[in-house]
Structures are given as C-alpha cells and as structure tokens.
N, C-alpha and C. Protein backbone atom coordinates (compact mmCIF):
# COMPACT_ATOMS: atom_id res chain seq x y z
N MET A 1 24.11 46.87 4.25
CA MET A 1 25.30 46.98 3.47
C MET A 1 26.09 45.69 3.60
N ILE A 2 26.49 45.13 2.50
CA ILE A 2 27.22 43.87 2.49
C ILE A 2 28.66 44.15 2.10
N LEU A 3 29.56 43.71 2.93
CA LEU A 3 30.98 43.87 2.63
C LEU A 3 31.55 42.52 2.24
N ARG A 4 32.28 42.52 1.18
CA ARG A 4 32.94 41.28 0.75
C ARG A 4 34.44 41.50 0.79
N THR A 5 35.07 40.50 1.36
CA THR A 5 36.53 40.59 1.41
C THR A 5 37.11 39.30 0.86
N HIS A 6 38.18 39.41 0.18
CA HIS A 6 38.89 38.24 -0.34
C HIS A 6 40.28 38.21 0.27
N THR A 7 40.63 37.04 0.70
CA THR A 7 42.00 36.87 1.18
C THR A 7 42.60 35.71 0.43
N THR A 8 43.78 35.87 0.02
CA THR A 8 44.48 34.82 -0.71
C THR A 8 45.65 34.37 0.13
N VAL A 9 45.70 33.06 0.35
CA VAL A 9 46.80 32.50 1.12
C VAL A 9 47.63 31.69 0.16
N LYS A 10 48.90 32.01 0.10
CA LYS A 10 49.80 31.26 -0.77
C LYS A 10 50.63 30.34 0.09
N ALA A 11 50.51 29.05 -0.23
CA ALA A 11 51.30 28.06 0.51
C ALA A 11 52.49 27.69 -0.34
N PRO A 12 53.60 27.37 0.28
CA PRO A 12 54.75 26.95 -0.51
C PRO A 12 54.45 25.61 -1.18
N GLY A 13 54.77 25.50 -2.44
CA GLY A 13 54.52 24.27 -3.19
C GLY A 13 53.06 24.13 -3.54
N GLY A 14 52.34 25.20 -3.70
CA GLY A 14 50.92 25.18 -4.01
C GLY A 14 50.64 24.55 -5.35
N ARG A 15 51.52 24.83 -6.32
CA ARG A 15 51.34 24.24 -7.65
C ARG A 15 51.56 22.73 -7.61
N ALA A 16 52.48 22.30 -6.82
CA ALA A 16 52.75 20.87 -6.72
C ALA A 16 51.56 20.15 -6.08
N LEU A 17 50.95 20.79 -5.09
CA LEU A 17 49.77 20.20 -4.44
C LEU A 17 48.61 20.11 -5.42
N ALA A 18 48.39 21.14 -6.21
CA ALA A 18 47.32 21.13 -7.20
C ALA A 18 47.57 20.07 -8.26
N ALA A 19 48.81 19.90 -8.67
CA ALA A 19 49.15 18.89 -9.67
C ALA A 19 48.92 17.49 -9.12
N MET A 20 49.26 17.27 -7.85
CA MET A 20 49.06 15.95 -7.25
C MET A 20 47.57 15.63 -7.15
N THR A 21 46.77 16.62 -6.82
CA THR A 21 45.32 16.43 -6.72
C THR A 21 44.74 16.08 -8.08
N LEU A 22 45.21 16.79 -9.12
CA LEU A 22 44.74 16.52 -10.48
C LEU A 22 45.12 15.12 -10.91
N LEU A 23 46.34 14.69 -10.61
CA LEU A 23 46.77 13.34 -10.97
C LEU A 23 45.95 12.28 -10.23
N ALA A 24 45.62 12.54 -8.97
CA ALA A 24 44.83 11.58 -8.21
C ALA A 24 43.44 11.43 -8.80
N CYS A 25 42.87 12.53 -9.26
CA CYS A 25 41.54 12.47 -9.87
C CYS A 25 41.58 11.72 -11.19
N LEU A 26 42.62 11.91 -11.94
CA LEU A 26 42.73 11.23 -13.23
C LEU A 26 43.05 9.74 -13.06
N ALA A 27 43.76 9.41 -11.99
CA ALA A 27 44.15 8.02 -11.77
C ALA A 27 42.94 7.15 -11.42
N PHE A 28 41.98 7.70 -10.71
CA PHE A 28 40.78 6.96 -10.30
C PHE A 28 39.56 7.60 -10.96
N PRO A 29 39.13 7.07 -12.08
CA PRO A 29 37.97 7.66 -12.74
C PRO A 29 36.72 7.56 -11.87
N ALA A 30 35.78 8.44 -12.12
CA ALA A 30 34.56 8.51 -11.32
C ALA A 30 33.77 7.22 -11.40
N ALA A 31 33.78 6.55 -12.55
CA ALA A 31 33.02 5.31 -12.70
C ALA A 31 33.57 4.23 -11.78
N ALA A 32 34.87 4.23 -11.54
CA ALA A 32 35.46 3.22 -10.67
C ALA A 32 35.12 3.49 -9.21
N GLN A 33 34.86 4.74 -8.86
CA GLN A 33 34.56 5.07 -7.49
C GLN A 33 33.10 4.76 -7.14
N GLN A 34 32.23 4.75 -8.13
CA GLN A 34 30.83 4.47 -7.87
C GLN A 34 30.59 2.97 -7.87
N GLN A 35 29.65 2.55 -7.04
CA GLN A 35 29.30 1.14 -7.03
C GLN A 35 28.26 0.88 -8.10
N LEU A 36 28.48 -0.16 -8.85
CA LEU A 36 27.54 -0.52 -9.89
C LEU A 36 26.35 -1.23 -9.27
N PRO A 37 25.13 -0.99 -9.76
CA PRO A 37 23.98 -1.70 -9.21
C PRO A 37 24.09 -3.19 -9.48
N ALA A 38 23.57 -3.97 -8.56
CA ALA A 38 23.61 -5.41 -8.71
C ALA A 38 22.78 -5.81 -9.94
N PRO A 39 23.27 -6.75 -10.73
CA PRO A 39 22.49 -7.16 -11.90
C PRO A 39 21.17 -7.79 -11.46
N ARG A 40 20.10 -7.43 -12.16
CA ARG A 40 18.78 -7.95 -11.83
C ARG A 40 18.31 -8.87 -12.95
N ASP A 41 17.53 -9.80 -12.54
CA ASP A 41 16.96 -10.72 -13.50
C ASP A 41 15.77 -10.02 -14.17
N ASN A 42 15.77 -9.89 -15.48
CA ASN A 42 14.70 -9.20 -16.19
C ASN A 42 13.36 -9.91 -16.02
N ALA A 43 13.37 -11.21 -15.97
CA ALA A 43 12.12 -11.96 -15.83
C ALA A 43 11.47 -11.64 -14.48
N THR A 44 12.27 -11.52 -13.44
CA THR A 44 11.73 -11.20 -12.12
C THR A 44 11.13 -9.80 -12.12
N GLU A 45 11.81 -8.86 -12.75
CA GLU A 45 11.30 -7.49 -12.83
C GLU A 45 9.97 -7.45 -13.57
N ILE A 46 9.89 -8.19 -14.67
CA ILE A 46 8.65 -8.21 -15.47
C ILE A 46 7.50 -8.79 -14.65
N ILE A 47 7.77 -9.86 -13.93
CA ILE A 47 6.73 -10.47 -13.10
C ILE A 47 6.27 -9.50 -12.01
N GLN A 48 7.22 -8.80 -11.39
CA GLN A 48 6.87 -7.84 -10.35
C GLN A 48 6.01 -6.72 -10.92
N LEU A 49 6.38 -6.22 -12.09
CA LEU A 49 5.59 -5.15 -12.71
C LEU A 49 4.19 -5.64 -13.09
N GLN A 50 4.10 -6.86 -13.60
CA GLN A 50 2.78 -7.41 -13.93
C GLN A 50 1.93 -7.55 -12.68
N ASN A 51 2.53 -8.00 -11.60
CA ASN A 51 1.79 -8.14 -10.34
C ASN A 51 1.29 -6.79 -9.84
N ARG A 52 2.14 -5.75 -9.95
CA ARG A 52 1.71 -4.42 -9.53
C ARG A 52 0.53 -3.92 -10.37
N ILE A 53 0.63 -4.13 -11.68
CA ILE A 53 -0.44 -3.68 -12.58
C ILE A 53 -1.74 -4.43 -12.28
N GLN A 54 -1.64 -5.74 -12.08
CA GLN A 54 -2.83 -6.53 -11.77
C GLN A 54 -3.45 -6.08 -10.44
N ARG A 55 -2.61 -5.77 -9.45
CA ARG A 55 -3.11 -5.32 -8.15
C ARG A 55 -3.82 -3.97 -8.31
N GLN A 56 -3.22 -3.06 -9.07
CA GLN A 56 -3.85 -1.75 -9.29
C GLN A 56 -5.19 -1.91 -10.01
N GLN A 57 -5.23 -2.78 -11.01
CA GLN A 57 -6.48 -3.00 -11.74
C GLN A 57 -7.54 -3.59 -10.81
N PHE A 58 -7.14 -4.52 -9.95
CA PHE A 58 -8.07 -5.12 -9.00
C PHE A 58 -8.63 -4.07 -8.05
N GLU A 59 -7.74 -3.21 -7.52
CA GLU A 59 -8.18 -2.17 -6.59
C GLU A 59 -9.13 -1.19 -7.28
N GLN A 60 -8.84 -0.83 -8.53
CA GLN A 60 -9.73 0.07 -9.26
C GLN A 60 -11.09 -0.58 -9.48
N GLN A 61 -11.10 -1.87 -9.80
CA GLN A 61 -12.36 -2.57 -10.00
C GLN A 61 -13.16 -2.62 -8.70
N GLN A 62 -12.48 -2.85 -7.58
CA GLN A 62 -13.15 -2.88 -6.29
C GLN A 62 -13.75 -1.51 -5.95
N GLN A 63 -13.02 -0.44 -6.23
CA GLN A 63 -13.55 0.90 -5.98
C GLN A 63 -14.78 1.16 -6.84
N LEU A 64 -14.72 0.74 -8.09
CA LEU A 64 -15.87 0.91 -8.99
C LEU A 64 -17.07 0.13 -8.47
N ASN A 65 -16.84 -1.10 -8.03
CA ASN A 65 -17.93 -1.91 -7.48
C ASN A 65 -18.54 -1.26 -6.24
N ARG A 66 -17.70 -0.69 -5.37
CA ARG A 66 -18.21 -0.02 -4.18
C ARG A 66 -19.05 1.20 -4.54
N GLN A 67 -18.58 1.97 -5.53
CA GLN A 67 -19.36 3.14 -5.96
C GLN A 67 -20.71 2.72 -6.51
N ILE A 68 -20.74 1.67 -7.31
CA ILE A 68 -22.00 1.18 -7.87
C ILE A 68 -22.92 0.72 -6.75
N ASP A 69 -22.38 0.01 -5.75
CA ASP A 69 -23.19 -0.45 -4.63
C ASP A 69 -23.77 0.72 -3.85
N ARG A 70 -22.98 1.80 -3.67
CA ARG A 70 -23.49 2.96 -2.94
C ARG A 70 -24.60 3.67 -3.70
N GLN A 71 -24.50 3.66 -5.03
CA GLN A 71 -25.48 4.38 -5.85
C GLN A 71 -26.80 3.63 -5.96
N GLN A 72 -26.77 2.33 -5.80
CA GLN A 72 -28.00 1.56 -5.92
C GLN A 72 -28.89 1.84 -4.72
N VAL A 73 -30.16 2.05 -5.01
CA VAL A 73 -31.12 2.33 -3.95
C VAL A 73 -31.66 0.99 -3.45
N THR A 74 -31.50 0.78 -2.18
CA THR A 74 -32.01 -0.48 -1.61
C THR A 74 -33.45 -0.27 -1.17
N GLN A 75 -34.30 -1.22 -1.51
CA GLN A 75 -35.70 -1.14 -1.14
C GLN A 75 -35.90 -1.91 0.16
N PRO A 76 -36.69 -1.33 1.06
CA PRO A 76 -36.94 -2.06 2.31
C PRO A 76 -37.77 -3.31 2.00
N PRO A 77 -37.65 -4.32 2.81
CA PRO A 77 -38.42 -5.54 2.56
C PRO A 77 -39.93 -5.24 2.65
N ALA A 78 -40.69 -5.99 1.89
CA ALA A 78 -42.15 -5.80 1.89
C ALA A 78 -42.70 -6.12 3.27
N PRO A 79 -43.62 -5.32 3.75
CA PRO A 79 -44.16 -5.59 5.08
C PRO A 79 -44.98 -6.88 5.08
N ARG A 80 -44.90 -7.58 6.17
CA ARG A 80 -45.67 -8.83 6.30
C ARG A 80 -47.15 -8.48 6.51
N PRO A 81 -47.99 -9.18 5.84
CA PRO A 81 -49.43 -8.88 6.03
C PRO A 81 -49.88 -9.29 7.42
N GLN A 82 -50.80 -8.51 7.95
CA GLN A 82 -51.35 -8.81 9.27
C GLN A 82 -52.44 -9.88 9.11
N VAL A 83 -52.11 -11.05 9.53
CA VAL A 83 -53.04 -12.17 9.44
C VAL A 83 -53.45 -12.56 10.84
N PRO A 84 -54.74 -12.66 11.11
CA PRO A 84 -55.15 -13.08 12.45
C PRO A 84 -54.75 -14.54 12.68
N THR A 85 -54.23 -14.80 13.84
CA THR A 85 -53.81 -16.17 14.17
C THR A 85 -54.49 -16.60 15.46
N PHE A 86 -54.63 -17.90 15.57
CA PHE A 86 -55.19 -18.49 16.78
C PHE A 86 -54.02 -18.94 17.62
N ARG A 87 -53.89 -18.35 18.78
CA ARG A 87 -52.76 -18.66 19.63
C ARG A 87 -53.14 -19.80 20.56
N GLN A 88 -52.33 -20.84 20.49
CA GLN A 88 -52.60 -21.97 21.36
C GLN A 88 -51.97 -21.73 22.73
N ASN A 89 -52.61 -22.25 23.72
CA ASN A 89 -52.11 -22.12 25.07
C ASN A 89 -51.20 -23.32 25.33
N CYS A 90 -49.88 -23.10 25.17
CA CYS A 90 -48.92 -24.20 25.31
C CYS A 90 -48.00 -23.92 26.49
N GLN A 91 -47.68 -24.98 27.19
CA GLN A 91 -46.71 -24.90 28.27
C GLN A 91 -45.48 -25.70 27.85
N ILE A 92 -44.35 -25.11 28.07
CA ILE A 92 -43.10 -25.78 27.70
C ILE A 92 -42.42 -26.23 28.99
N THR A 93 -42.08 -27.50 29.05
CA THR A 93 -41.36 -28.04 30.21
C THR A 93 -40.06 -28.65 29.72
N LEU A 94 -39.03 -28.46 30.49
CA LEU A 94 -37.72 -29.02 30.14
C LEU A 94 -37.58 -30.39 30.75
N SER A 95 -37.06 -31.30 29.96
CA SER A 95 -36.84 -32.65 30.42
C SER A 95 -35.46 -33.08 29.92
N GLY A 96 -34.41 -32.89 30.75
CA GLY A 96 -33.05 -33.21 30.32
C GLY A 96 -32.59 -32.21 29.27
N ASN A 97 -32.17 -32.71 28.10
CA ASN A 97 -31.71 -31.85 27.02
C ASN A 97 -32.84 -31.51 26.05
N THR A 98 -34.03 -31.99 26.28
CA THR A 98 -35.16 -31.74 25.39
C THR A 98 -36.23 -30.96 26.11
N TYR A 99 -37.12 -30.41 25.34
CA TYR A 99 -38.26 -29.73 25.94
C TYR A 99 -39.55 -30.34 25.38
N VAL A 100 -40.54 -30.32 26.22
CA VAL A 100 -41.83 -30.90 25.86
C VAL A 100 -42.86 -29.78 25.86
N ARG A 101 -43.68 -29.75 24.81
CA ARG A 101 -44.70 -28.71 24.69
C ARG A 101 -46.08 -29.37 24.88
N ASN A 102 -46.79 -28.89 25.84
CA ASN A 102 -48.15 -29.38 26.12
C ASN A 102 -49.13 -28.31 25.70
N CYS A 103 -49.82 -28.55 24.62
CA CYS A 103 -50.78 -27.58 24.13
C CYS A 103 -52.20 -28.07 24.41
N ARG A 104 -53.14 -27.20 24.77
CA ARG A 104 -54.53 -27.54 25.01
C ARG A 104 -55.38 -26.98 23.92
C-alpha cells in the first residue's frame, strides 16, 4: 500500500520570491549561460576526416589480404632427390682467424 501525502508550506512574500526568480531567468538567457564551442578550422577537420577514412580503408585492405593469405594452400617444398655422394675425408685445422682443410 502506497500512501501519498502533500504538504504545502507558505512563506511570507512567496509571490515576490517567485517573481524575482522569474526576472533572474529572463535577465540571463540560456544561450548566454552556455559556453560556445571554440571555432574550428574547416580545413583541419576535413583533413582529419580524410585521414580517418584512409586509415580505415588501409585496415580493411590489410584484413582482406590476411584472409586471402590464410585461404591459400601452401605447398611443401619439393623433396631433394637422394643422390649418392662421395664423401672426402677432410680434416679442418684452425690457424688464427682462418681454417685450413686437408682432404685426402
């Protein structure tokens, strides 16, 4: 159950207070109370918007390229043929900054 009660308080000079409040509101219009946005250079805004659009287009192109790369099937490299080789018996000796190979 919700009970609602109203109480009215009458202050002396209530009409005068209301009139003063109304005059104060009329004296200072709402537009004067709000701060106006700082003027912006239209050329700067246009350049910024173009840069955003170009960046979005670039990112979309990169996503498309990545999807294409994922879809492509990569083939493993061709196996090297097994060719018999003659292995030489070589000894490597270090001499300073160089190495010498002695093969027989």
